[in-house]
Structure formats: structure tokens, C-alpha cells
Amino acid sequence: MKAAEVKKLRDEEIAAEAARLRKKLYELRAQTITEKIKDSSQFKKNRQLLARLLTERTTRMKKVTT
């Protein structure tokens, strides 16, 4: 998901997607302990997308307060 796609999401969708990504990252960390991960680049991709979502949420909150 690109930044332009993130900007089109509603606040509720951003919160839901952030929660989903946090859960996915937790599952990936658990997999590293219990089994081999085929695609270790998923860590970076999920972290970057989570950062995009949280950045957009923060930006929107700052616009509301000013």
C-alpha cells in the first residue's frame, strides 16, 4: 500500500489496518522462534506500512487540533 492509498483511507480503516499489521508482525516474530521464515523481507515491508499508517493518523490528528 502506497502513501497515496493510505491517505484515501478513513480513520477507522487506518486503525483496523494498523491493528492487523501489529498482529502480523507478532506472528512473524513468533515464527522466527518456532520455524524458518521463507520471506524475511516481510518484517521490513510490514514495519514500513505500519509507519505510513501511523504517520497519516498523526498528521490528521494535528490538523484537527490546529
PDB file of N, CA and C in Angstrom:
ATOM      1  N   MET A   1       0.843  -1.165   0.000  1.00  0.00           N
ATOM      2  CA  MET A   1       0.000   0.000   0.000  1.00  0.00           C
ATOM      3  C   MET A   1       0.898   1.241   0.000  1.00  0.00           C
ATOM      4  N   LYS A   2       0.659   2.087  -0.942  1.00  0.00           N
ATOM      5  CA  LYS A   2       1.445   3.304  -1.083  1.00  0.00           C
ATOM      6  C   LYS A   2       0.852   4.421  -0.229  1.00  0.00           C
ATOM      7  N   ALA A   3       1.600   5.499  -0.083  1.00  0.00           N
ATOM      8  CA  ALA A   3       1.166   6.628   0.738  1.00  0.00           C
ATOM      9  C   ALA A   3      -0.124   7.241   0.201  1.00  0.00           C
ATOM     10  N   ALA A   4      -0.271   7.302  -1.105  1.00  0.00           N
ATOM     11  CA  ALA A   4      -1.485   7.860  -1.686  1.00  0.00           C
ATOM     12  C   ALA A   4      -2.704   7.013  -1.330  1.00  0.00           C
ATOM     13  N   GLU A   5      -2.524   5.704  -1.288  1.00  0.00           N
ATOM     14  CA  GLU A   5      -3.621   4.813  -0.915  1.00  0.00           C
ATOM     15  C   GLU A   5      -3.973   4.968   0.562  1.00  0.00           C
ATOM     16  N   VAL A   6      -2.951   5.185   1.383  1.00  0.00           N
ATOM     17  CA  VAL A   6      -3.173   5.360   2.820  1.00  0.00           C
ATOM     18  C   VAL A   6      -3.968   6.635   3.074  1.00  0.00           C
ATOM     19  N   LYS A   7      -3.685   7.684   2.318  1.00  0.00           N
ATOM     20  CA  LYS A   7      -4.379   8.958   2.506  1.00  0.00           C
ATOM     21  C   LYS A   7      -5.859   8.864   2.165  1.00  0.00           C
ATOM     22  N   LYS A   8      -6.228   7.911   1.313  1.00  0.00           N
ATOM     23  CA  LYS A   8      -7.626   7.740   0.930  1.00  0.00           C
ATOM     24  C   LYS A   8      -8.430   6.978   1.979  1.00  0.00           C
ATOM     25  N   LEU A   9      -7.755   6.301   2.900  1.00  0.00           N
ATOM     26  CA  LEU A   9      -8.451   5.508   3.915  1.00  0.00           C
ATOM     27  C   LEU A   9      -9.114   6.389   4.956  1.00  0.00           C
ATOM     28  N   ARG A  10     -10.223   5.903   5.515  1.00  0.00           N
ATOM     29  CA  ARG A  10     -10.882   6.599   6.612  1.00  0.00           C
ATOM     30  C   ARG A  10     -10.128   6.280   7.902  1.00  0.00           C
ATOM     31  N   ASP A  11     -10.387   7.056   8.940  1.00  0.00           N
ATOM     32  CA  ASP A  11      -9.708   6.875  10.220  1.00  0.00           C
ATOM     33  C   ASP A  11      -9.921   5.478  10.786  1.00  0.00           C
ATOM     34  N   GLU A  12     -11.139   4.950  10.671  1.00  0.00           N
ATOM     35  CA  GLU A  12     -11.442   3.622  11.188  1.00  0.00           C
ATOM     36  C   GLU A  12     -10.666   2.550  10.429  1.00  0.00           C
ATOM     37  N   GLU A  13     -10.534   2.740   9.126  1.00  0.00           N
ATOM     38  CA  GLU A  13      -9.792   1.783   8.303  1.00  0.00           C
ATOM     39  C   GLU A  13      -8.304   1.800   8.654  1.00  0.00           C
ATOM     40  N   ILE A  14      -7.780   2.984   8.937  1.00  0.00           N
ATOM     41  CA  ILE A  14      -6.371   3.096   9.326  1.00  0.00           C
ATOM     42  C   ILE A  14      -6.137   2.363  10.637  1.00  0.00           C
ATOM     43  N   ALA A  15      -7.035   2.548  11.602  1.00  0.00           N
ATOM     44  CA  ALA A  15      -6.888   1.878  12.893  1.00  0.00           C
ATOM     45  C   ALA A  15      -6.972   0.366  12.738  1.00  0.00           C
ATOM     46  N   ALA A  16      -7.896  -0.109  11.918  1.00  0.00           N
ATOM     47  CA  ALA A  16      -8.050  -1.550  11.711  1.00  0.00           C
ATOM     48  C   ALA A  16      -6.829  -2.142  11.011  1.00  0.00           C
ATOM     49  N   GLU A  17      -6.329  -1.446  10.011  1.00  0.00           N
ATOM     50  CA  GLU A  17      -5.158  -1.929   9.277  1.00  0.00           C
ATOM     51  C   GLU A  17      -3.916  -1.923  10.168  1.00  0.00           C
ATOM     52  N   ALA A  18      -3.771  -0.916  11.010  1.00  0.00           N
ATOM     53  CA  ALA A  18      -2.634  -0.858  11.932  1.00  0.00           C
ATOM     54  C   ALA A  18      -2.687  -2.031  12.914  1.00  0.00           C
ATOM     55  N   ALA A  19      -3.869  -2.332  13.410  1.00  0.00           N
ATOM     56  CA  ALA A  19      -4.021  -3.466  14.325  1.00  0.00           C
ATOM     57  C   ALA A  19      -3.685  -4.773  13.623  1.00  0.00           C
ATOM     58  N   ARG A  20      -4.107  -4.905  12.370  1.00  0.00           N
ATOM     59  CA  ARG A  20      -3.819  -6.119  11.606  1.00  0.00           C
ATOM     60  C   ARG A  20      -2.314  -6.284  11.388  1.00  0.00           C
ATOM     61  N   LEU A  21      -1.640  -5.181  11.085  1.00  0.00           N
ATOM     62  CA  LEU A  21      -0.196  -5.240  10.856  1.00  0.00           C
ATOM     63  C   LEU A  21       0.574  -5.551  12.136  1.00  0.00           C
ATOM     64  N   ARG A  22       0.125  -5.003  13.255  1.00  0.00           N
ATOM     65  CA  ARG A  22       0.772  -5.315  14.531  1.00  0.00           C
ATOM     66  C   ARG A  22       0.658  -6.804  14.837  1.00  0.00           C
ATOM     67  N   LYS A  23      -0.520  -7.363  14.568  1.00  0.00           N
ATOM     68  CA  LYS A  23      -0.738  -8.795  14.792  1.00  0.00           C
ATOM     69  C   LYS A  23       0.150  -9.624  13.862  1.00  0.00           C
ATOM     70  N   LYS A  24       0.251  -9.195  12.604  1.00  0.00           N
ATOM     71  CA  LYS A  24       1.086  -9.898  11.624  1.00  0.00           C
ATOM     72  C   LYS A  24       2.560  -9.870  12.047  1.00  0.00           C
ATOM     73  N   LEU A  25       3.034  -8.722  12.527  1.00  0.00           N
ATOM     74  CA  LEU A  25       4.420  -8.635  12.987  1.00  0.00           C
ATOM     75  C   LEU A  25       4.663  -9.552  14.178  1.00  0.00           C
ATOM     76  N   TYR A  26       3.694  -9.631  15.089  1.00  0.00           N
ATOM     77  CA  TYR A  26       3.808 -10.526  16.232  1.00  0.00           C
ATOM     78  C   TYR A  26       3.901 -11.982  15.759  1.00  0.00           C
ATOM     79  N   GLU A  27       3.055 -12.334  14.803  1.00  0.00           N
ATOM     80  CA  GLU A  27       3.075 -13.700  14.279  1.00  0.00           C
ATOM     81  C   GLU A  27       4.403 -14.013  13.586  1.00  0.00           C
ATOM     82  N   LEU A  28       4.953 -13.039  12.867  1.00  0.00           N
ATOM     83  CA  LEU A  28       6.247 -13.247  12.210  1.00  0.00           C
ATOM     84  C   LEU A  28       7.358 -13.458  13.237  1.00  0.00           C
ATOM     85  N   ARG A  29       7.317 -12.669  14.318  1.00  0.00           N
ATOM     86  CA  ARG A  29       8.333 -12.854  15.364  1.00  0.00           C
ATOM     87  C   ARG A  29       8.200 -14.220  16.011  1.00  0.00           C
ATOM     88  N   ALA A  30       6.972 -14.666  16.202  1.00  0.00           N
ATOM     89  CA  ALA A  30       6.748 -15.990  16.787  1.00  0.00           C
ATOM     90  C   ALA A  30       7.241 -17.077  15.841  1.00  0.00           C
ATOM     91  N   GLN A  31       7.073 -16.884  14.555  1.00  0.00           N
ATOM     92  CA  GLN A  31       7.534 -17.865  13.579  1.00  0.00           C
ATOM     93  C   GLN A  31       9.050 -17.987  13.567  1.00  0.00           C
ATOM     94  N   THR A  32       9.748 -16.891  13.817  1.00  0.00           N
ATOM     95  CA  THR A  32      11.208 -16.969  13.813  1.00  0.00           C
ATOM     96  C   THR A  32      11.700 -17.880  14.934  1.00  0.00           C
ATOM     97  N   ILE A  33      10.953 -17.958  16.002  1.00  0.00           N
ATOM     98  CA  ILE A  33      11.338 -18.801  17.121  1.00  0.00           C
ATOM     99  C   ILE A  33      10.989 -20.258  16.852  1.00  0.00           C
ATOM    100  N   THR A  34       9.814 -20.491  16.290  1.00  0.00           N
ATOM    101  CA  THR A  34       9.327 -21.854  16.143  1.00  0.00           C
ATOM    102  C   THR A  34       9.700 -22.522  14.834  1.00  0.00           C
ATOM    103  N   GLU A  35       9.885 -21.747  13.780  1.00  0.00           N
ATOM    104  CA  GLU A  35      10.166 -22.331  12.477  1.00  0.00           C
ATOM    105  C   GLU A  35      10.906 -21.340  11.593  1.00  0.00           C
ATOM    106  N   LYS A  36      11.334 -21.809  10.452  1.00  0.00           N
ATOM    107  CA  LYS A  36      12.006 -20.939   9.491  1.00  0.00           C
ATOM    108  C   LYS A  36      10.991 -20.074   8.754  1.00  0.00           C
ATOM    109  N   ILE A  37      11.396 -18.845   8.485  1.00  0.00           N
ATOM    110  CA  ILE A  37      10.571 -17.940   7.697  1.00  0.00           C
ATOM    111  C   ILE A  37      11.117 -17.944   6.276  1.00  0.00           C
ATOM    112  N   LYS A  38      10.230 -18.124   5.311  1.00  0.00           N
ATOM    113  CA  LYS A  38      10.653 -18.182   3.918  1.00  0.00           C
ATOM    114  C   LYS A  38      11.028 -16.808   3.384  1.00  0.00           C
ATOM    115  N   ASP A  39      10.265 -15.799   3.778  1.00  0.00           N
ATOM    116  CA  ASP A  39      10.481 -14.450   3.249  1.00  0.00           C
ATOM    117  C   ASP A  39      10.713 -13.483   4.402  1.00  0.00           C
ATOM    118  N   SER A  40      11.953 -13.284   4.768  1.00  0.00           N
ATOM    119  CA  SER A  40      12.266 -12.414   5.901  1.00  0.00           C
ATOM    120  C   SER A  40      12.057 -10.935   5.578  1.00  0.00           C
ATOM    121  N   SER A  41      11.868 -10.604   4.313  1.00  0.00           N
ATOM    122  CA  SER A  41      11.640  -9.209   3.956  1.00  0.00           C
ATOM    123  C   SER A  41      10.255  -8.729   4.406  1.00  0.00           C
ATOM    124  N   GLN A  42       9.392  -9.642   4.824  1.00  0.00           N
ATOM    125  CA  GLN A  42       8.069  -9.267   5.307  1.00  0.00           C
ATOM    126  C   GLN A  42       8.154  -8.386   6.543  1.00  0.00           C
ATOM    127  N   PHE A  43       9.192  -8.577   7.362  1.00  0.00           N
ATOM    128  CA  PHE A  43       9.381  -7.728   8.540  1.00  0.00           C
ATOM    129  C   PHE A  43       9.467  -6.261   8.130  1.00  0.00           C
ATOM    130  N   LYS A  44      10.363  -5.986   7.207  1.00  0.00           N
ATOM    131  CA  LYS A  44      10.585  -4.607   6.769  1.00  0.00           C
ATOM    132  C   LYS A  44       9.345  -4.031   6.094  1.00  0.00           C
ATOM    133  N   LYS A  45       8.721  -4.806   5.221  1.00  0.00           N
ATOM    134  CA  LYS A  45       7.543  -4.321   4.500  1.00  0.00           C
ATOM    135  C   LYS A  45       6.409  -3.975   5.458  1.00  0.00           C
ATOM    136  N   ASN A  46       6.162  -4.843   6.429  1.00  0.00           N
ATOM    137  CA  ASN A  46       5.082  -4.599   7.383  1.00  0.00           C
ATOM    138  C   ASN A  46       5.391  -3.423   8.302  1.00  0.00           C
ATOM    139  N   ARG A  47       6.644  -3.300   8.732  1.00  0.00           N
ATOM    140  CA  ARG A  47       7.019  -2.168   9.584  1.00  0.00           C
ATOM    141  C   ARG A  47       6.868  -0.850   8.840  1.00  0.00           C
ATOM    142  N   GLN A  48       7.266  -0.823   7.578  1.00  0.00           N
ATOM    143  CA  GLN A  48       7.154   0.402   6.787  1.00  0.00           C
ATOM    144  C   GLN A  48       5.697   0.797   6.570  1.00  0.00           C
ATOM    145  N   LEU A  49       4.868  -0.181   6.281  1.00  0.00           N
ATOM    146  CA  LEU A  49       3.452   0.117   6.079  1.00  0.00           C
ATOM    147  C   LEU A  49       2.804   0.588   7.377  1.00  0.00           C
ATOM    148  N   LEU A  50       3.164  -0.033   8.487  1.00  0.00           N
ATOM    149  CA  LEU A  50       2.644   0.403   9.781  1.00  0.00           C
ATOM    150  C   LEU A  50       3.076   1.841  10.060  1.00  0.00           C
ATOM    151  N   ALA A  51       4.312   2.171   9.746  1.00  0.00           N
ATOM    152  CA  ALA A  51       4.797   3.540   9.944  1.00  0.00           C
ATOM    153  C   ALA A  51       4.030   4.528   9.066  1.00  0.00           C
ATOM    154  N   ARG A  52       3.730   4.142   7.828  1.00  0.00           N
ATOM    155  CA  ARG A  52       2.937   5.017   6.947  1.00  0.00           C
ATOM    156  C   ARG A  52       1.563   5.290   7.550  1.00  0.00           C
ATOM    157  N   LEU A  53       0.931   4.233   8.046  1.00  0.00           N
ATOM    158  CA  LEU A  53      -0.402   4.382   8.629  1.00  0.00           C
ATOM    159  C   LEU A  53      -0.373   5.278   9.862  1.00  0.00           C
ATOM    160  N   LEU A  54       0.586   5.047  10.736  1.00  0.00           N
ATOM    161  CA  LEU A  54       0.666   5.835  11.966  1.00  0.00           C
ATOM    162  C   LEU A  54       1.030   7.285  11.679  1.00  0.00           C
ATOM    163  N   THR A  55       1.861   7.505  10.673  1.00  0.00           N
ATOM    164  CA  THR A  55       2.223   8.867  10.286  1.00  0.00           C
ATOM    165  C   THR A  55       0.999   9.613   9.763  1.00  0.00           C
ATOM    166  N   GLU A  56       0.211   8.958   8.939  1.00  0.00           N
ATOM    167  CA  GLU A  56      -1.006   9.590   8.414  1.00  0.00           C
ATOM    168  C   GLU A  56      -1.987   9.878   9.542  1.00  0.00           C
ATOM    169  N   ARG A  57      -2.113   8.958  10.480  1.00  0.00           N
ATOM    170  CA  ARG A  57      -3.026   9.182  11.614  1.00  0.00           C
ATOM    171  C   ARG A  57      -2.572  10.379  12.439  1.00  0.00           C
ATOM    172  N   THR A  58      -1.270  10.486  12.696  1.00  0.00           N
ATOM    173  CA  THR A  58      -0.733  11.607  13.461  1.00  0.00           C
ATOM    174  C   THR A  58      -0.938  12.919  12.717  1.00  0.00           C
ATOM    175  N   THR A  59      -0.716  12.919  11.417  1.00  0.00           N
ATOM    176  CA  THR A  59      -0.899  14.115  10.607  1.00  0.00           C
ATOM    177  C   THR A  59      -2.346  14.590  10.680  1.00  0.00           C
ATOM    178  N   ARG A  60      -3.280  13.664  10.584  1.00  0.00           N
ATOM    179  CA  ARG A  60      -4.692  14.034  10.656  1.00  0.00           C
ATOM    180  C   ARG A  60      -5.050  14.592  12.029  1.00  0.00           C
ATOM    181  N   MET A  61      -4.500  14.021  13.080  1.00  0.00           N
ATOM    182  CA  MET A  61      -4.788  14.499  14.433  1.00  0.00           C
ATOM    183  C   MET A  61      -4.251  15.912  14.627  1.00  0.00           C
ATOM    184  N   LYS A  62      -3.083  16.191  14.059  1.00  0.00           N
ATOM    185  CA  LYS A  62      -2.508  17.525  14.196  1.00  0.00           C
ATOM    186  C   LYS A  62      -3.329  18.556  13.425  1.00  0.00           C
ATOM    187  N   LYS A  63      -3.901  18.180  12.297  1.00  0.00           N
ATOM    188  CA  LYS A  63      -4.728  19.099  11.527  1.00  0.00           C
ATOM    189  C   LYS A  63      -5.993  19.442  12.275  1.00  0.00           C
ATOM    190  N   VAL A  64      -6.531  18.479  12.999  1.00  0.00           N
ATOM    191  CA  VAL A  64      -7.770  18.704  13.766  1.00  0.00           C
ATOM    192  C   VAL A  64      -7.519  19.651  14.918  1.00  0.00           C
ATOM    193  N   THR A  65      -6.389  19.529  15.590  1.00  0.00           N
ATOM    194  CA  THR A  65      -6.100  20.347  16.762  1.00  0.00           C
ATOM    195  C   THR A  65      -5.690  21.767  16.412  1.00  0.00           C
ATOM    196  N   THR A  66      -5.259  22.007  15.185  1.00  0.00           N
ATOM    197  CA  THR A  66      -4.837  23.375  14.828  1.00  0.00           C
ATOM    198  C   THR A  66      -5.908  24.129  14.112  1.00  0.00           C
TER     199      THR A  66
END
